[in-house]
Amino acid sequence: MTEQKDTEQGKSQRTIIGKVISDKMSKTIVVQIERKVKHPLYGKFVRRFSKMYAHDEDNTCRIGDLVMIKQSRPLSKTKRWMLVEILKREEQ
């Protein structure tokens, strides 16, 4: 949804806000990121989606939550992000 760069100790850490689409793995969540790009020919804005795998140490996230994740060192083959905070809980 949005992307910010945070400068702590001279390093640039990307933070991204997205929606949790899966929490079935242990200590891992899948976050869907939406971005809008302009179509090169028609000029209409089209939604594009990316999936990021993020580390959730306490398994606190549920499907539908709005979360903020930050870039980290590689934690596994696909996990490169860590959960920073849960911005909004999904109503159940």
PDB file of N, CA and C in Angstrom:
ATOM      1  N   MET A   1       0.806  -1.176   0.000  1.00  0.00           N
ATOM      2  CA  MET A   1       0.000   0.000   0.000  1.00  0.00           C
ATOM      3  C   MET A   1       0.863   1.259   0.000  1.00  0.00           C
ATOM      4  N   THR A   2       1.722   1.393   1.015  1.00  0.00           N
ATOM      5  CA  THR A   2       2.643   2.522   1.024  1.00  0.00           C
ATOM      6  C   THR A   2       4.025   2.026   1.369  1.00  0.00           C
ATOM      7  N   GLU A   3       4.987   2.826   1.005  1.00  0.00           N
ATOM      8  CA  GLU A   3       6.378   2.460   1.250  1.00  0.00           C
ATOM      9  C   GLU A   3       7.097   3.663   1.815  1.00  0.00           C
ATOM     10  N   GLN A   4       7.898   3.437   2.852  1.00  0.00           N
ATOM     11  CA  GLN A   4       8.661   4.506   3.472  1.00  0.00           C
ATOM     12  C   GLN A   4      10.081   4.027   3.669  1.00  0.00           C
ATOM     13  N   LYS A   5      11.009   4.976   3.725  1.00  0.00           N
ATOM     14  CA  LYS A   5      12.388   4.636   4.030  1.00  0.00           C
ATOM     15  C   LYS A   5      12.760   5.296   5.345  1.00  0.00           C
ATOM     16  N   ASP A   6      13.278   4.507   6.267  1.00  0.00           N
ATOM     17  CA  ASP A   6      13.632   4.991   7.590  1.00  0.00           C
ATOM     18  C   ASP A   6      15.148   4.955   7.720  1.00  0.00           C
ATOM     19  N   THR A   7      15.739   6.038   8.187  1.00  0.00           N
ATOM     20  CA  THR A   7      17.193   6.090   8.307  1.00  0.00           C
ATOM     21  C   THR A   7      17.574   6.018   9.779  1.00  0.00           C
ATOM     22  N   GLU A   8      17.933   4.822  10.219  1.00  0.00           N
ATOM     23  CA  GLU A   8      18.432   4.617  11.565  1.00  0.00           C
ATOM     24  C   GLU A   8      19.862   4.127  11.455  1.00  0.00           C
ATOM     25  N   GLN A   9      20.776   4.806  12.134  1.00  0.00           N
ATOM     26  CA  GLN A   9      22.194   4.457  12.165  1.00  0.00           C
ATOM     27  C   GLN A   9      22.786   4.426  10.760  1.00  0.00           C
ATOM     28  N   GLY A  10      22.298   5.299   9.883  1.00  0.00           N
ATOM     29  CA  GLY A  10      22.848   5.411   8.546  1.00  0.00           C
ATOM     30  C   GLY A  10      22.354   4.376   7.569  1.00  0.00           C
ATOM     31  N   LYS A  11      21.602   3.378   8.032  1.00  0.00           N
ATOM     32  CA  LYS A  11      21.073   2.356   7.135  1.00  0.00           C
ATOM     33  C   LYS A  11      19.664   2.725   6.700  1.00  0.00           C
ATOM     34  N   SER A  12      19.311   2.351   5.489  1.00  0.00           N
ATOM     35  CA  SER A  12      17.979   2.618   4.970  1.00  0.00           C
ATOM     36  C   SER A  12      17.147   1.345   5.092  1.00  0.00           C
ATOM     37  N   GLN A  13      16.076   1.399   5.904  1.00  0.00           N
ATOM     38  CA  GLN A  13      15.214   0.248   6.091  1.00  0.00           C
ATOM     39  C   GLN A  13      13.870   0.522   5.449  1.00  0.00           C
ATOM     40  N   ARG A  14      13.493  -0.281   4.477  1.00  0.00           N
ATOM     41  CA  ARG A  14      12.193  -0.114   3.821  1.00  0.00           C
ATOM     42  C   ARG A  14      11.102  -0.634   4.736  1.00  0.00           C
ATOM     43  N   THR A  15      10.028   0.134   4.866  1.00  0.00           N
ATOM     44  CA  THR A  15       8.837  -0.340   5.567  1.00  0.00           C
ATOM     45  C   THR A  15       7.665  -0.267   4.603  1.00  0.00           C
ATOM     46  N   ILE A  16       6.811  -1.275   4.662  1.00  0.00           N
ATOM     47  CA  ILE A  16       5.691  -1.382   3.741  1.00  0.00           C
ATOM     48  C   ILE A  16       4.439  -1.731   4.545  1.00  0.00           C
ATOM     49  N   ILE A  17       3.315  -1.171   4.144  1.00  0.00           N
ATOM     50  CA  ILE A  17       2.032  -1.483   4.759  1.00  0.00           C
ATOM     51  C   ILE A  17       1.239  -2.362   3.795  1.00  0.00           C
ATOM     52  N   GLY A  18       0.709  -3.468   4.315  1.00  0.00           N
ATOM     53  CA  GLY A  18      -0.046  -4.385   3.470  1.00  0.00           C
ATOM     54  C   GLY A  18      -1.056  -5.176   4.279  1.00  0.00           C
ATOM     55  N   LYS A  19      -1.757  -6.073   3.610  1.00  0.00           N
ATOM     56  CA  LYS A  19      -2.815  -6.858   4.223  1.00  0.00           C
ATOM     57  C   LYS A  19      -2.390  -8.323   4.301  1.00  0.00           C
ATOM     58  N   VAL A  20      -2.640  -8.959   5.448  1.00  0.00           N
ATOM     59  CA  VAL A  20      -2.282 -10.360   5.651  1.00  0.00           C
ATOM     60  C   VAL A  20      -3.280 -11.230   4.887  1.00  0.00           C
ATOM     61  N   ILE A  21      -2.762 -12.105   4.021  1.00  0.00           N
ATOM     62  CA  ILE A  21      -3.638 -12.987   3.254  1.00  0.00           C
ATOM     63  C   ILE A  21      -3.480 -14.444   3.675  1.00  0.00           C
ATOM     64  N   SER A  22      -2.441 -14.755   4.474  1.00  0.00           N
ATOM     65  CA  SER A  22      -2.270 -16.125   4.961  1.00  0.00           C
ATOM     66  C   SER A  22      -1.483 -16.100   6.264  1.00  0.00           C
ATOM     67  N   ASP A  23      -1.917 -16.952   7.223  1.00  0.00           N
ATOM     68  CA  ASP A  23      -1.182 -17.097   8.486  1.00  0.00           C
ATOM     69  C   ASP A  23      -1.049 -18.573   8.847  1.00  0.00           C
ATOM     70  N   LYS A  24      -1.095 -19.441   7.852  1.00  0.00           N
ATOM     71  CA  LYS A  24      -1.113 -20.877   8.096  1.00  0.00           C
ATOM     72  C   LYS A  24       0.242 -21.456   8.489  1.00  0.00           C
ATOM     73  N   MET A  25       1.334 -20.766   8.166  1.00  0.00           N
ATOM     74  CA  MET A  25       2.656 -21.261   8.504  1.00  0.00           C
ATOM     75  C   MET A  25       3.035 -20.847   9.919  1.00  0.00           C
ATOM     76  N   SER A  26       3.931 -21.579  10.513  1.00  0.00           N
ATOM     77  CA  SER A  26       4.392 -21.260  11.853  1.00  0.00           C
ATOM     78  C   SER A  26       5.374 -20.093  11.796  1.00  0.00           C
ATOM     79  N   LYS A  27       5.079 -19.014  12.528  1.00  0.00           N
ATOM     80  CA  LYS A  27       5.920 -17.815  12.634  1.00  0.00           C
ATOM     81  C   LYS A  27       6.115 -17.096  11.304  1.00  0.00           C
ATOM     82  N   THR A  28       5.224 -17.321  10.345  1.00  0.00           N
ATOM     83  CA  THR A  28       5.328 -16.676   9.037  1.00  0.00           C
ATOM     84  C   THR A  28       3.945 -16.211   8.596  1.00  0.00           C
ATOM     85  N   ILE A  29       3.896 -14.998   8.031  1.00  0.00           N
ATOM     86  CA  ILE A  29       2.669 -14.487   7.437  1.00  0.00           C
ATOM     87  C   ILE A  29       2.957 -14.100   5.997  1.00  0.00           C
ATOM     88  N   VAL A  30       1.923 -14.115   5.169  1.00  0.00           N
ATOM     89  CA  VAL A  30       2.036 -13.668   3.783  1.00  0.00           C
ATOM     90  C   VAL A  30       1.268 -12.362   3.684  1.00  0.00           C
ATOM     91  N   VAL A  31       1.965 -11.308   3.255  1.00  0.00           N
ATOM     92  CA  VAL A  31       1.383  -9.974   3.179  1.00  0.00           C
ATOM     93  C   VAL A  31       1.258  -9.579   1.718  1.00  0.00           C
ATOM     94  N   GLN A  32       0.061  -9.111   1.339  1.00  0.00           N
ATOM     95  CA  GLN A  32      -0.179  -8.671  -0.038  1.00  0.00           C
ATOM     96  C   GLN A  32      -0.026  -7.153  -0.109  1.00  0.00           C
ATOM     97  N   ILE A  33       0.804  -6.704  -1.044  1.00  0.00           N
ATOM     98  CA  ILE A  33       1.083  -5.294  -1.252  1.00  0.00           C
ATOM     99  C   ILE A  33       0.409  -4.872  -2.553  1.00  0.00           C
ATOM    100  N   GLU A  34      -0.306  -3.764  -2.512  1.00  0.00           N
ATOM    101  CA  GLU A  34      -0.976  -3.251  -3.704  1.00  0.00           C
ATOM    102  C   GLU A  34      -0.279  -1.977  -4.163  1.00  0.00           C
ATOM    103  N   ARG A  35      -0.044  -1.873  -5.468  1.00  0.00           N
ATOM    104  CA  ARG A  35       0.502  -0.637  -6.035  1.00  0.00           C
ATOM    105  C   ARG A  35      -0.261  -0.331  -7.308  1.00  0.00           C
ATOM    106  N   LYS A  36      -0.314   0.935  -7.649  1.00  0.00           N
ATOM    107  CA  LYS A  36      -1.024   1.347  -8.856  1.00  0.00           C
ATOM    108  C   LYS A  36      -0.015   1.860  -9.868  1.00  0.00           C
ATOM    109  N   VAL A  37      -0.088   1.300 -11.076  1.00  0.00           N
ATOM    110  CA  VAL A  37       0.807   1.706 -12.161  1.00  0.00           C
ATOM    111  C   VAL A  37      -0.034   2.178 -13.336  1.00  0.00           C
ATOM    112  N   LYS A  38       0.504   3.112 -14.063  1.00  0.00           N
ATOM    113  CA  LYS A  38      -0.199   3.648 -15.216  1.00  0.00           C
ATOM    114  C   LYS A  38       0.042   2.744 -16.422  1.00  0.00           C
ATOM    115  N   HIS A  39      -1.034   2.392 -17.125  1.00  0.00           N
ATOM    116  CA  HIS A  39      -0.913   1.569 -18.315  1.00  0.00           C
ATOM    117  C   HIS A  39      -0.170   2.373 -19.384  1.00  0.00           C
ATOM    118  N   PRO A  40       0.838   1.765 -20.032  1.00  0.00           N
ATOM    119  CA  PRO A  40       1.662   2.537 -20.966  1.00  0.00           C
ATOM    120  C   PRO A  40       0.922   3.054 -22.200  1.00  0.00           C
ATOM    121  N   LEU A  41      -0.091   2.327 -22.666  1.00  0.00           N
ATOM    122  CA  LEU A  41      -0.803   2.748 -23.873  1.00  0.00           C
ATOM    123  C   LEU A  41      -2.077   3.535 -23.558  1.00  0.00           C
ATOM    124  N   TYR A  42      -2.878   3.021 -22.642  1.00  0.00           N
ATOM    125  CA  TYR A  42      -4.194   3.603 -22.410  1.00  0.00           C
ATOM    126  C   TYR A  42      -4.221   4.659 -21.312  1.00  0.00           C
ATOM    127  N   GLY A  43      -3.194   4.700 -20.473  1.00  0.00           N
ATOM    128  CA  GLY A  43      -3.119   5.734 -19.456  1.00  0.00           C
ATOM    129  C   GLY A  43      -3.952   5.474 -18.214  1.00  0.00           C
ATOM    130  N   LYS A  44      -4.704   4.380 -18.190  1.00  0.00           N
ATOM    131  CA  LYS A  44      -5.513   4.051 -17.019  1.00  0.00           C
ATOM    132  C   LYS A  44      -4.618   3.462 -15.927  1.00  0.00           C
ATOM    133  N   PHE A  45      -4.939   3.768 -14.666  1.00  0.00           N
ATOM    134  CA  PHE A  45      -4.176   3.204 -13.564  1.00  0.00           C
ATOM    135  C   PHE A  45      -4.681   1.802 -13.267  1.00  0.00           C
ATOM    136  N   VAL A  46      -3.751   0.850 -13.212  1.00  0.00           N
ATOM    137  CA  VAL A  46      -4.058  -0.556 -13.012  1.00  0.00           C
ATOM    138  C   VAL A  46      -3.446  -1.001 -11.683  1.00  0.00           C
ATOM    139  N   ARG A  47      -4.186  -1.820 -10.921  1.00  0.00           N
ATOM    140  CA  ARG A  47      -3.668  -2.322  -9.646  1.00  0.00           C
ATOM    141  C   ARG A  47      -2.777  -3.532  -9.890  1.00  0.00           C
ATOM    142  N   ARG A  48      -1.618  -3.536  -9.266  1.00  0.00           N
ATOM    143  CA  ARG A  48      -0.687  -4.666  -9.306  1.00  0.00           C
ATOM    144  C   ARG A  48      -0.446  -5.123  -7.874  1.00  0.00           C
ATOM    145  N   PHE A  49      -0.302  -6.428  -7.689  1.00  0.00           N
ATOM    146  CA  PHE A  49      -0.143  -6.983  -6.347  1.00  0.00           C
ATOM    147  C   PHE A  49       1.165  -7.754  -6.242  1.00  0.00           C
ATOM    148  N   SER A  50       1.779  -7.706  -5.058  1.00  0.00           N
ATOM    149  CA  SER A  50       2.963  -8.490  -4.747  1.00  0.00           C
ATOM    150  C   SER A  50       2.736  -9.196  -3.422  1.00  0.00           C
ATOM    151  N   LYS A  51       3.321 -10.371  -3.271  1.00  0.00           N
ATOM    152  CA  LYS A  51       3.223 -11.102  -2.014  1.00  0.00           C
ATOM    153  C   LYS A  51       4.597 -11.117  -1.349  1.00  0.00           C
ATOM    154  N   MET A  52       4.630 -10.753  -0.061  1.00  0.00           N
ATOM    155  CA  MET A  52       5.854 -10.763   0.723  1.00  0.00           C
ATOM    156  C   MET A  52       5.677 -11.738   1.887  1.00  0.00           C
ATOM    157  N   TYR A  53       6.707 -12.509   2.182  1.00  0.00           N
ATOM    158  CA  TYR A  53       6.694 -13.396   3.331  1.00  0.00           C
ATOM    159  C   TYR A  53       7.391 -12.682   4.471  1.00  0.00           C
ATOM    160  N   ALA A  54       6.715 -12.604   5.631  1.00  0.00           N
ATOM    161  CA  ALA A  54       7.249 -11.855   6.766  1.00  0.00           C
ATOM    162  C   ALA A  54       7.293 -12.740   8.012  1.00  0.00           C
ATOM    163  N   HIS A  55       8.260 -12.456   8.884  1.00  0.00           N
ATOM    164  CA  HIS A  55       8.441 -13.191  10.131  1.00  0.00           C
ATOM    165  C   HIS A  55       7.528 -12.617  11.206  1.00  0.00           C
ATOM    166  N   ASP A  56       6.722 -13.475  11.812  1.00  0.00           N
ATOM    167  CA  ASP A  56       5.816 -13.095  12.905  1.00  0.00           C
ATOM    168  C   ASP A  56       6.165 -13.983  14.093  1.00  0.00           C
ATOM    169  N   GLU A  57       7.020 -13.491  14.972  1.00  0.00           N
ATOM    170  CA  GLU A  57       7.585 -14.306  16.050  1.00  0.00           C
ATOM    171  C   GLU A  57       6.525 -14.918  16.962  1.00  0.00           C
ATOM    172  N   ASP A  58       5.481 -14.155  17.323  1.00  0.00           N
ATOM    173  CA  ASP A  58       4.506 -14.619  18.300  1.00  0.00           C
ATOM    174  C   ASP A  58       3.223 -15.171  17.681  1.00  0.00           C
ATOM    175  N   ASN A  59       3.159 -15.280  16.372  1.00  0.00           N
ATOM    176  CA  ASN A  59       1.952 -15.741  15.668  1.00  0.00           C
ATOM    177  C   ASN A  59       0.720 -14.930  16.074  1.00  0.00           C
ATOM    178  N   THR A  60       0.847 -13.603  16.108  1.00  0.00           N
ATOM    179  CA  THR A  60      -0.246 -12.740  16.549  1.00  0.00           C
ATOM    180  C   THR A  60      -1.145 -12.294  15.403  1.00  0.00           C
ATOM    181  N   CYS A  61      -0.681 -12.316  14.182  1.00  0.00           N
ATOM    182  CA  CYS A  61      -1.469 -11.822  13.042  1.00  0.00           C
ATOM    183  C   CYS A  61      -2.500 -12.839  12.602  1.00  0.00           C
ATOM    184  N   ARG A  62      -3.618 -12.323  12.091  1.00  0.00           N
ATOM    185  CA  ARG A  62      -4.681 -13.132  11.522  1.00  0.00           C
ATOM    186  C   ARG A  62      -4.982 -12.649  10.110  1.00  0.00           C
ATOM    187  N   ILE A  63      -5.682 -13.448   9.333  1.00  0.00           N
ATOM    188  CA  ILE A  63      -6.015 -13.087   7.958  1.00  0.00           C
ATOM    189  C   ILE A  63      -6.875 -11.826   7.963  1.00  0.00           C
ATOM    190  N   GLY A  64      -6.521 -10.869   7.119  1.00  0.00           N
ATOM    191  CA  GLY A  64      -7.272  -9.629   6.995  1.00  0.00           C
ATOM    192  C   GLY A  64      -6.682  -8.466   7.769  1.00  0.00           C
ATOM    193  N   ASP A  65      -5.710  -8.702   8.646  1.00  0.00           N
ATOM    194  CA  ASP A  65      -5.100  -7.617   9.414  1.00  0.00           C
ATOM    195  C   ASP A  65      -4.284  -6.704   8.503  1.00  0.00           C
ATOM    196  N   LEU A  66      -4.274  -5.418   8.836  1.00  0.00           N
ATOM    197  CA  LEU A  66      -3.429  -4.449   8.143  1.00  0.00           C
ATOM    198  C   LEU A  66      -2.149  -4.312   8.959  1.00  0.00           C
ATOM    199  N   VAL A  67      -1.000  -4.609   8.358  1.00  0.00           N
ATOM    200  CA  VAL A  67       0.252  -4.665   9.103  1.00  0.00           C
ATOM    201  C   VAL A  67       1.333  -3.813   8.441  1.00  0.00           C
ATOM    202  N   MET A  68       2.334  -3.453   9.237  1.00  0.00           N
ATOM    203  CA  MET A  68       3.522  -2.780   8.730  1.00  0.00           C
ATOM    204  C   MET A  68       4.689  -3.753   8.879  1.00  0.00           C
ATOM    205  N   ILE A  69       5.420  -3.963   7.777  1.00  0.00           N
ATOM    206  CA  ILE A  69       6.579  -4.857   7.801  1.00  0.00           C
ATOM    207  C   ILE A  69       7.811  -4.082   7.377  1.00  0.00           C
ATOM    208  N   LYS A  70       8.983  -4.543   7.830  1.00  0.00           N
ATOM    209  CA  LYS A  70      10.227  -3.899   7.437  1.00  0.00           C
ATOM    210  C   LYS A  70      11.178  -4.930   6.853  1.00  0.00           C
ATOM    211  N   GLN A  71      12.058  -4.461   6.009  1.00  0.00           N
ATOM    212  CA  GLN A  71      13.021  -5.331   5.347  1.00  0.00           C
ATOM    213  C   GLN A  71      14.073  -5.767   6.353  1.00  0.00           C
ATOM    214  N   SER A  72      14.525  -7.022   6.248  1.00  0.00           N
ATOM    215  CA  SER A  72      15.530  -7.538   7.165  1.00  0.00           C
ATOM    216  C   SER A  72      16.483  -8.456   6.408  1.00  0.00           C
ATOM    217  N   ARG A  73      17.361  -9.060   7.158  1.00  0.00           N
ATOM    218  CA  ARG A  73      18.286 -10.016   6.543  1.00  0.00           C
ATOM    219  C   ARG A  73      17.500 -11.248   6.108  1.00  0.00           C
ATOM    220  N   PRO A  74      18.033 -12.060   5.212  1.00  0.00           N
ATOM    221  CA  PRO A  74      17.310 -13.271   4.807  1.00  0.00           C
ATOM    222  C   PRO A  74      17.134 -14.222   5.991  1.00  0.00           C
ATOM    223  N   LEU A  75      15.893 -14.587   6.277  1.00  0.00           N
ATOM    224  CA  LEU A  75      15.584 -15.488   7.379  1.00  0.00           C
ATOM    225  C   LEU A  75      15.363 -16.918   6.899  1.00  0.00           C
ATOM    226  N   SER A  76      14.998 -17.073   5.632  1.00  0.00           N
ATOM    227  CA  SER A  76      14.849 -18.390   5.015  1.00  0.00           C
ATOM    228  C   SER A  76      14.975 -18.190   3.511  1.00  0.00           C
ATOM    229  N   LYS A  77      14.571 -19.195   2.739  1.00  0.00           N
ATOM    230  CA  LYS A  77      14.669 -19.097   1.286  1.00  0.00           C
ATOM    231  C   LYS A  77      13.828 -17.945   0.747  1.00  0.00           C
ATOM    232  N   THR A  78      12.637 -17.716   1.322  1.00  0.00           N
ATOM    233  CA  THR A  78      11.741 -16.689   0.793  1.00  0.00           C
ATOM    234  C   THR A  78      11.489 -15.535   1.758  1.00  0.00           C
ATOM    235  N   LYS A  79      11.771 -15.712   3.053  1.00  0.00           N
ATOM    236  CA  LYS A  79      11.450 -14.666   4.041  1.00  0.00           C
ATOM    237  C   LYS A  79      12.540 -13.613   4.093  1.00  0.00           C
ATOM    238  N   ARG A  80      12.157 -12.352   3.783  1.00  0.00           N
ATOM    239  CA  ARG A  80      13.100 -11.229   3.827  1.00  0.00           C
ATOM    240  C   ARG A  80      12.525 -10.050   4.614  1.00  0.00           C
ATOM    241  N   TRP A  81      11.386 -10.227   5.259  1.00  0.00           N
ATOM    242  CA  TRP A  81      10.682  -9.144   5.944  1.00  0.00           C
ATOM    243  C   TRP A  81      10.341  -9.558   7.362  1.00  0.00           C
ATOM    244  N   MET A  82      10.187  -8.553   8.257  1.00  0.00           N
ATOM    245  CA  MET A  82       9.792  -8.794   9.643  1.00  0.00           C
ATOM    246  C   MET A  82       8.589  -7.928   9.992  1.00  0.00           C
ATOM    247  N   LEU A  83       7.726  -8.440  10.837  1.00  0.00           N
ATOM    248  CA  LEU A  83       6.560  -7.700  11.298  1.00  0.00           C
ATOM    249  C   LEU A  83       6.994  -6.601  12.260  1.00  0.00           C
ATOM    250  N   VAL A  84       6.533  -5.357  11.999  1.00  0.00           N
ATOM    251  CA  VAL A  84       6.820  -4.236  12.892  1.00  0.00           C
ATOM    252  C   VAL A  84       5.651  -4.037  13.840  1.00  0.00           C
ATOM    253  N   GLU A  85       4.443  -3.863  13.284  1.00  0.00           N
ATOM    254  CA  GLU A  85       3.261  -3.690  14.115  1.00  0.00           C
ATOM    255  C   GLU A  85       2.004  -4.016  13.332  1.00  0.00           C
ATOM    256  N   ILE A  86       0.948  -4.295  14.085  1.00  0.00           N
ATOM    257  CA  ILE A  86      -0.368  -4.520  13.503  1.00  0.00           C
ATOM    258  C   ILE A  86      -1.112  -3.196  13.575  1.00  0.00           C
ATOM    259  N   LEU A  87      -1.467  -2.629  12.422  1.00  0.00           N
ATOM    260  CA  LEU A  87      -2.117  -1.326  12.382  1.00  0.00           C
ATOM    261  C   LEU A  87      -3.611  -1.418  12.616  1.00  0.00           C
ATOM    262  N   LYS A  88      -4.246  -2.461  12.062  1.00  0.00           N
ATOM    263  CA  LYS A  88      -5.700  -2.591  12.197  1.00  0.00           C
ATOM    264  C   LYS A  88      -6.057  -4.064  12.204  1.00  0.00           C
ATOM    265  N   ARG A  89      -6.857  -4.472  13.183  1.00  0.00           N
ATOM    266  CA  ARG A  89      -7.318  -5.844  13.273  1.00  0.00           C
ATOM    267  C   ARG A  89      -8.544  -6.066  12.404  1.00  0.00           C
ATOM    268  N   GLU A  90      -8.663  -7.262  11.858  1.00  0.00           N
ATOM    269  CA  GLU A  90      -9.834  -7.639  11.079  1.00  0.00           C
ATOM    270  C   GLU A  90     -10.963  -7.994  12.039  1.00  0.00           C
ATOM    271  N   GLU A  91     -12.166  -7.489  11.780  1.00  0.00           N
ATOM    272  CA  GLU A  91     -13.333  -7.799  12.602  1.00  0.00           C
ATOM    273  C   GLU A  91     -13.791  -9.220  12.296  1.00  0.00           C
ATOM    274  N   GLN A  92     -14.090  -9.992  13.336  1.00  0.00           N
ATOM    275  CA  GLN A  92     -14.523 -11.367  13.102  1.00  0.00           C
ATOM    276  C   GLN A  92     -15.810 -11.687  13.752  1.00  0.00           C
TER     277      GLN A  92
END
